[in-house]
Amino acid sequence: MTNHYNIQLIATKTDLKVSYRDTKFRKLEHLRGKLDQDTMDKLGRIIPVSELNFAHFMIKYKGIISYLPIESKPKSLYSQFLEEWHRFYNQYMGIAPKFTGADGNALKQIISYLVKIAGSEQEAITLWQLLLSKWNTLNKFHQQNTDLKYINSQLNKILQNVKENNSQSNEQVFTRAAQSETGKNFKF
């Protein structure tokens, strides 16, 4: 997880953005204000190497430097779908997927359709997670085609295959009723 902080040098009104990934220092950016050689020489003293040390630095430099977390934006629905697919692909194939613009367009179409049949964005992401978790229950031909362009072009058949392969116990674990365009109810 990546977190960002705004560090303001109060006397010079210099703002810096510092980023941490998994609590380790990742990147420093100069946002605004004067940044001279003297300040550059002292930056190492005011930036914690680990995000876990922020409380200590806030106390130590109180009144001289302001340390404020930058609130991160919630992930878009597209990012959530993409993250789930990357996780699935890495687990299923054992390698990172190649991702192109055509894959991005296919994913957008998959999202649009799943939101339409599920009724809400949250239900759509849940349905996507279910679909990917049940991939090994699909017929062999579908299992061998994990490409997003293929999934998009065969989504109706894949959903039908998942539905057919679901046993009674699986339906009790995850049951979602969604309206299709024809008004029929589906349960997964």
C-alpha atoms as a PDB file:
ATOM      1  CA  MET A   1       0.000   0.000   0.000  1.00  0.00           C
ATOM      2  CA  THR A   2       1.322   3.416  -0.930  1.00  0.00           C
ATOM      3  CA  ASN A   3       0.780   6.410   1.352  1.00  0.00           C
ATOM      4  CA  HIS A   4       1.637  10.037   0.663  1.00  0.00           C
ATOM      5  CA  TYR A   5       2.439  12.900   3.040  1.00  0.00           C
ATOM      6  CA  ASN A   6       2.763  16.634   2.637  1.00  0.00           C
ATOM      7  CA  ILE A   7       5.794  18.037   4.451  1.00  0.00           C
ATOM      8  CA  GLN A   8       5.755  21.823   4.782  1.00  0.00           C
ATOM      9  CA  LEU A   9       8.822  23.773   5.888  1.00  0.00           C
ATOM     10  CA  ILE A  10       6.947  26.527   7.701  1.00  0.00           C
ATOM     11  CA  ALA A  11       9.631  29.282   7.584  1.00  0.00           C
ATOM     12  CA  THR A  12      10.186  29.054   3.814  1.00  0.00           C
ATOM     13  CA  LYS A  13       6.666  27.846   2.905  1.00  0.00           C
ATOM     14  CA  THR A  14       8.174  24.995   0.962  1.00  0.00           C
ATOM     15  CA  ASP A  15       5.938  21.995   0.329  1.00  0.00           C
ATOM     16  CA  LEU A  16       7.274  18.523  -0.344  1.00  0.00           C
ATOM     17  CA  LYS A  17       5.394  15.324  -1.086  1.00  0.00           C
ATOM     18  CA  VAL A  18       6.902  12.144   0.313  1.00  0.00           C
ATOM     19  CA  SER A  19       5.653   8.682  -0.626  1.00  0.00           C
ATOM     20  CA  TYR A  20       5.979   5.399   1.256  1.00  0.00           C
ATOM     21  CA  ARG A  21       5.226   1.910  -0.038  1.00  0.00           C
ATOM     22  CA  ASP A  22       4.794  -0.800   2.578  1.00  0.00           C
ATOM     23  CA  THR A  23       6.046   1.695   5.229  1.00  0.00           C
ATOM     24  CA  LYS A  24       9.371   2.192   3.370  1.00  0.00           C
ATOM     25  CA  PHE A  25      10.476   5.479   1.812  1.00  0.00           C
ATOM     26  CA  ARG A  26       9.756   5.466  -1.905  1.00  0.00           C
ATOM     27  CA  LYS A  27       9.873   8.970  -3.395  1.00  0.00           C
ATOM     28  CA  LEU A  28      10.282  12.683  -2.646  1.00  0.00           C
ATOM     29  CA  GLU A  29       8.759  15.454  -4.776  1.00  0.00           C
ATOM     30  CA  HIS A  30       9.143  19.226  -4.560  1.00  0.00           C
ATOM     31  CA  LEU A  31       5.681  20.773  -4.879  1.00  0.00           C
ATOM     32  CA  ARG A  32       6.219  24.512  -4.287  1.00  0.00           C
ATOM     33  CA  GLY A  33       8.328  27.053  -2.451  1.00  0.00           C
ATOM     34  CA  LYS A  34      12.005  27.904  -2.295  1.00  0.00           C
ATOM     35  CA  LEU A  35      14.436  25.013  -2.339  1.00  0.00           C
ATOM     36  CA  ASP A  36      18.075  26.095  -1.997  1.00  0.00           C
ATOM     37  CA  GLN A  37      21.282  24.106  -1.427  1.00  0.00           C
ATOM     38  CA  ASP A  38      21.174  24.570   2.356  1.00  0.00           C
ATOM     39  CA  THR A  39      17.650  23.102   2.493  1.00  0.00           C
ATOM     40  CA  MET A  40      18.666  20.260   0.178  1.00  0.00           C
ATOM     41  CA  ASP A  41      21.546  19.396   2.503  1.00  0.00           C
ATOM     42  CA  LYS A  42      19.162  19.125   5.480  1.00  0.00           C
ATOM     43  CA  LEU A  43      16.330  17.142   3.844  1.00  0.00           C
ATOM     44  CA  GLY A  44      17.707  13.831   5.031  1.00  0.00           C
ATOM     45  CA  ARG A  45      17.235  14.929   8.637  1.00  0.00           C
ATOM     46  CA  ILE A  46      13.548  15.787   8.333  1.00  0.00           C
ATOM     47  CA  ILE A  47      12.270  12.861   6.250  1.00  0.00           C
ATOM     48  CA  PRO A  48      11.761   9.544   8.047  1.00  0.00           C
ATOM     49  CA  VAL A  49      13.192   6.500   6.310  1.00  0.00           C
ATOM     50  CA  SER A  50      10.224   4.493   7.585  1.00  0.00           C
ATOM     51  CA  GLU A  51       6.623   5.646   7.710  1.00  0.00           C
ATOM     52  CA  LEU A  52       6.470   4.178  11.226  1.00  0.00           C
ATOM     53  CA  ASN A  53       8.724   7.024  12.479  1.00  0.00           C
ATOM     54  CA  PHE A  54       6.355   9.862  11.530  1.00  0.00           C
ATOM     55  CA  ALA A  55       5.038  10.352  15.079  1.00  0.00           C
ATOM     56  CA  HIS A  56       8.587  10.885  16.371  1.00  0.00           C
ATOM     57  CA  PHE A  57       9.376  13.428  13.624  1.00  0.00           C
ATOM     58  CA  MET A  58       6.108  15.300  14.215  1.00  0.00           C
ATOM     59  CA  ILE A  59       7.029  15.789  17.869  1.00  0.00           C
ATOM     60  CA  LYS A  60      10.679  16.603  17.176  1.00  0.00           C
ATOM     61  CA  TYR A  61       9.971  19.300  14.548  1.00  0.00           C
ATOM     62  CA  LYS A  62       6.692  20.694  15.922  1.00  0.00           C
ATOM     63  CA  GLY A  63       6.281  24.340  14.937  1.00  0.00           C
ATOM     64  CA  ILE A  64       9.094  24.133  12.378  1.00  0.00           C
ATOM     65  CA  ILE A  65       7.784  21.491   9.989  1.00  0.00           C
ATOM     66  CA  SER A  66       4.245  20.342   9.322  1.00  0.00           C
ATOM     67  CA  TYR A  67       3.649  16.668   8.467  1.00  0.00           C
ATOM     68  CA  LEU A  68       0.193  15.940   7.040  1.00  0.00           C
ATOM     69  CA  PRO A  69      -1.088  12.745   5.415  1.00  0.00           C
ATOM     70  CA  ILE A  70      -2.570  13.170   1.946  1.00  0.00           C
ATOM     71  CA  GLU A  71      -5.877  11.373   1.748  1.00  0.00           C
ATOM     72  CA  SER A  72      -5.922   8.866  -1.081  1.00  0.00           C
ATOM     73  CA  LYS A  73      -8.835   8.697  -3.452  1.00  0.00           C
ATOM     74  CA  PRO A  74     -10.939   5.540  -3.389  1.00  0.00           C
ATOM     75  CA  LYS A  75     -10.124   3.125  -6.196  1.00  0.00           C
ATOM     76  CA  SER A  76     -12.240   3.403  -9.315  1.00  0.00           C
ATOM     77  CA  LEU A  77     -14.416   0.490 -10.326  1.00  0.00           C
ATOM     78  CA  TYR A  78     -12.125  -0.086 -13.305  1.00  0.00           C
ATOM     79  CA  SER A  79      -9.087  -0.270 -10.986  1.00  0.00           C
ATOM     80  CA  GLN A  80     -10.866  -2.758  -8.730  1.00  0.00           C
ATOM     81  CA  PHE A  81     -11.784  -4.999 -11.666  1.00  0.00           C
ATOM     82  CA  LEU A  82      -8.270  -4.753 -13.093  1.00  0.00           C
ATOM     83  CA  GLU A  83      -6.692  -5.556  -9.731  1.00  0.00           C
ATOM     84  CA  GLU A  84      -8.890  -8.646  -9.364  1.00  0.00           C
ATOM     85  CA  TRP A  85      -8.031  -9.817 -12.853  1.00  0.00           C
ATOM     86  CA  HIS A  86      -4.276  -9.288 -12.297  1.00  0.00           C
ATOM     87  CA  ARG A  87      -4.496 -11.240  -9.035  1.00  0.00           C
ATOM     88  CA  PHE A  88      -6.398 -14.051 -10.764  1.00  0.00           C
ATOM     89  CA  TYR A  89      -4.034 -14.166 -13.735  1.00  0.00           C
ATOM     90  CA  ASN A  90      -0.924 -14.205 -11.544  1.00  0.00           C
ATOM     91  CA  GLN A  91      -2.324 -17.074  -9.480  1.00  0.00           C
ATOM     92  CA  TYR A  92      -3.728 -19.030 -12.418  1.00  0.00           C
ATOM     93  CA  MET A  93      -0.853 -18.635 -14.890  1.00  0.00           C
ATOM     94  CA  GLY A  94       2.035 -17.952 -12.526  1.00  0.00           C
ATOM     95  CA  ILE A  95       3.162 -14.877 -14.471  1.00  0.00           C
ATOM     96  CA  ALA A  96       2.094 -11.255 -14.839  1.00  0.00           C
ATOM     97  CA  PRO A  97      -0.311 -10.665 -17.733  1.00  0.00           C
ATOM     98  CA  LYS A  98       0.435  -8.569 -20.787  1.00  0.00           C
ATOM     99  CA  PHE A  99      -2.086  -5.753 -20.796  1.00  0.00           C
ATOM    100  CA  THR A 100      -2.868  -3.633 -23.872  1.00  0.00           C
ATOM    101  CA  GLY A 101      -5.383  -0.976 -24.826  1.00  0.00           C
ATOM    102  CA  ALA A 102      -7.569  -3.654 -26.380  1.00  0.00           C
ATOM    103  CA  ASP A 103      -7.589  -5.466 -23.032  1.00  0.00           C
ATOM    104  CA  GLY A 104      -8.575  -2.218 -21.326  1.00  0.00           C
ATOM    105  CA  ASN A 105     -11.495  -1.739 -23.718  1.00  0.00           C
ATOM    106  CA  ALA A 106     -12.596  -5.345 -23.202  1.00  0.00           C
ATOM    107  CA  LEU A 107     -12.488  -4.863 -19.429  1.00  0.00           C
ATOM    108  CA  LYS A 108     -14.613  -1.709 -19.699  1.00  0.00           C
ATOM    109  CA  GLN A 109     -17.214  -3.658 -21.659  1.00  0.00           C
ATOM    110  CA  ILE A 110     -17.146  -6.487 -19.105  1.00  0.00           C
ATOM    111  CA  ILE A 111     -17.654  -3.967 -16.289  1.00  0.00           C
ATOM    112  CA  SER A 112     -20.534  -2.289 -18.100  1.00  0.00           C
ATOM    113  CA  TYR A 113     -22.313  -5.596 -18.682  1.00  0.00           C
ATOM    114  CA  LEU A 114     -21.765  -6.943 -15.167  1.00  0.00           C
ATOM    115  CA  VAL A 115     -23.026  -3.697 -13.601  1.00  0.00           C
ATOM    116  CA  LYS A 116     -26.088  -3.926 -15.845  1.00  0.00           C
ATOM    117  CA  ILE A 117     -26.978  -7.507 -14.869  1.00  0.00           C
ATOM    118  CA  ALA A 118     -25.917  -7.249 -11.225  1.00  0.00           C
ATOM    119  CA  GLY A 119     -27.707  -3.980 -10.537  1.00  0.00           C
ATOM    120  CA  SER A 120     -24.906  -2.153  -8.707  1.00  0.00           C
ATOM    121  CA  GLU A 121     -21.169  -1.607  -8.884  1.00  0.00           C
ATOM    122  CA  GLN A 122     -20.544  -3.522  -5.650  1.00  0.00           C
ATOM    123  CA  GLU A 123     -22.591  -6.485  -6.869  1.00  0.00           C
ATOM    124  CA  ALA A 124     -20.720  -6.359 -10.196  1.00  0.00           C
ATOM    125  CA  ILE A 125     -17.298  -6.563  -8.523  1.00  0.00           C
ATOM    126  CA  THR A 126     -18.566  -9.430  -6.364  1.00  0.00           C
ATOM    127  CA  LEU A 127     -19.833 -11.222  -9.469  1.00  0.00           C
ATOM    128  CA  TRP A 128     -16.446 -10.651 -11.186  1.00  0.00           C
ATOM    129  CA  GLN A 129     -14.627 -12.093  -8.170  1.00  0.00           C
ATOM    130  CA  LEU A 130     -16.945 -15.111  -8.205  1.00  0.00           C
ATOM    131  CA  LEU A 131     -16.480 -15.642 -11.902  1.00  0.00           C
ATOM    132  CA  LEU A 132     -12.689 -15.590 -11.568  1.00  0.00           C
ATOM    133  CA  SER A 133     -12.725 -17.818  -8.469  1.00  0.00           C
ATOM    134  CA  LYS A 134     -14.798 -20.419 -10.366  1.00  0.00           C
ATOM    135  CA  TRP A 135     -12.531 -20.360 -13.431  1.00  0.00           C
ATOM    136  CA  ASN A 136     -11.190 -23.851 -12.744  1.00  0.00           C
ATOM    137  CA  THR A 137     -14.768 -25.227 -12.896  1.00  0.00           C
ATOM    138  CA  LEU A 138     -15.313 -24.047 -16.473  1.00  0.00           C
ATOM    139  CA  ASN A 139     -14.956 -26.408 -19.405  1.00  0.00           C
ATOM    140  CA  LYS A 140     -11.361 -26.888 -20.554  1.00  0.00           C
ATOM    141  CA  PHE A 141     -11.687 -24.652 -23.595  1.00  0.00           C
ATOM    142  CA  HIS A 142     -12.726 -21.632 -21.516  1.00  0.00           C
ATOM    143  CA  GLN A 143     -10.079 -22.426 -18.890  1.00  0.00           C
ATOM    144  CA  GLN A 144      -7.350 -22.158 -21.524  1.00  0.00           C
ATOM    145  CA  ASN A 145      -8.543 -18.716 -22.663  1.00  0.00           C
ATOM    146  CA  THR A 146      -7.855 -16.252 -19.873  1.00  0.00           C
ATOM    147  CA  ASP A 147      -7.448 -13.281 -22.195  1.00  0.00           C
ATOM    148  CA  LEU A 148      -9.783 -10.374 -21.389  1.00  0.00           C
ATOM    149  CA  LYS A 149     -10.759  -9.968 -25.047  1.00  0.00           C
ATOM    150  CA  TYR A 150     -11.859 -13.615 -25.090  1.00  0.00           C
ATOM    151  CA  ILE A 151     -13.673 -13.321 -21.754  1.00  0.00           C
ATOM    152  CA  ASN A 152     -15.544 -10.282 -23.042  1.00  0.00           C
ATOM    153  CA  SER A 153     -16.538 -11.957 -26.305  1.00  0.00           C
ATOM    154  CA  GLN A 154     -17.707 -15.128 -24.526  1.00  0.00           C
ATOM    155  CA  LEU A 155     -19.048 -13.627 -21.293  1.00  0.00           C
ATOM    156  CA  ASN A 156     -22.594 -14.974 -21.709  1.00  0.00           C
ATOM    157  CA  LYS A 157     -21.301 -18.513 -22.312  1.00  0.00           C
ATOM    158  CA  ILE A 158     -18.828 -18.268 -19.426  1.00  0.00           C
ATOM    159  CA  LEU A 159     -21.520 -17.052 -17.020  1.00  0.00           C
ATOM    160  CA  GLN A 160     -23.808 -19.847 -18.175  1.00  0.00           C
ATOM    161  CA  ASN A 161     -21.006 -22.385 -17.692  1.00  0.00           C
ATOM    162  CA  VAL A 162     -20.341 -21.136 -14.143  1.00  0.00           C
ATOM    163  CA  LYS A 163     -24.049 -21.299 -13.381  1.00  0.00           C
ATOM    164  CA  GLU A 164     -24.312 -24.889 -14.685  1.00  0.00           C
ATOM    165  CA  ASN A 165     -21.230 -26.018 -12.751  1.00  0.00           C
ATOM    166  CA  ASN A 166     -22.360 -24.534  -9.448  1.00  0.00           C
ATOM    167  CA  SER A 167     -23.456 -27.203  -7.047  1.00  0.00           C
ATOM    168  CA  GLN A 168     -26.255 -26.666  -4.552  1.00  0.00           C
ATOM    169  CA  SER A 169     -23.758 -25.939  -1.751  1.00  0.00           C
ATOM    170  CA  ASN A 170     -21.996 -23.285  -3.818  1.00  0.00           C
ATOM    171  CA  GLU A 171     -25.299 -21.568  -4.502  1.00  0.00           C
ATOM    172  CA  GLN A 172     -25.899 -21.299  -0.773  1.00  0.00           C
ATOM    173  CA  VAL A 173     -22.508 -19.642  -0.298  1.00  0.00           C
ATOM    174  CA  PHE A 174     -23.063 -17.085  -3.035  1.00  0.00           C
ATOM    175  CA  THR A 175     -26.472 -16.350  -4.454  1.00  0.00           C
ATOM    176  CA  ARG A 176     -27.139 -13.237  -6.448  1.00  0.00           C
ATOM    177  CA  ALA A 177     -30.242 -12.540  -8.426  1.00  0.00           C
ATOM    178  CA  ALA A 178     -29.699 -10.251 -11.366  1.00  0.00           C
ATOM    179  CA  GLN A 179     -32.117  -8.993 -13.982  1.00  0.00           C
ATOM    180  CA  SER A 180     -31.047  -9.667 -17.533  1.00  0.00           C
ATOM    181  CA  GLU A 181     -32.238  -7.608 -20.438  1.00  0.00           C
ATOM    182  CA  THR A 182     -35.049 -10.111 -21.006  1.00  0.00           C
ATOM    183  CA  GLY A 183     -36.225  -9.976 -17.398  1.00  0.00           C
ATOM    184  CA  LYS A 184     -35.040 -13.467 -16.442  1.00  0.00           C
ATOM    185  CA  ASN A 185     -33.434 -14.010 -13.046  1.00  0.00           C
ATOM    186  CA  PHE A 186     -29.998 -15.544 -12.773  1.00  0.00           C
ATOM    187  CA  LYS A 187     -28.539 -17.125  -9.650  1.00  0.00           C
ATOM    188  CA  PHE A 188     -24.835 -17.728  -9.156  1.00  0.00           C
END
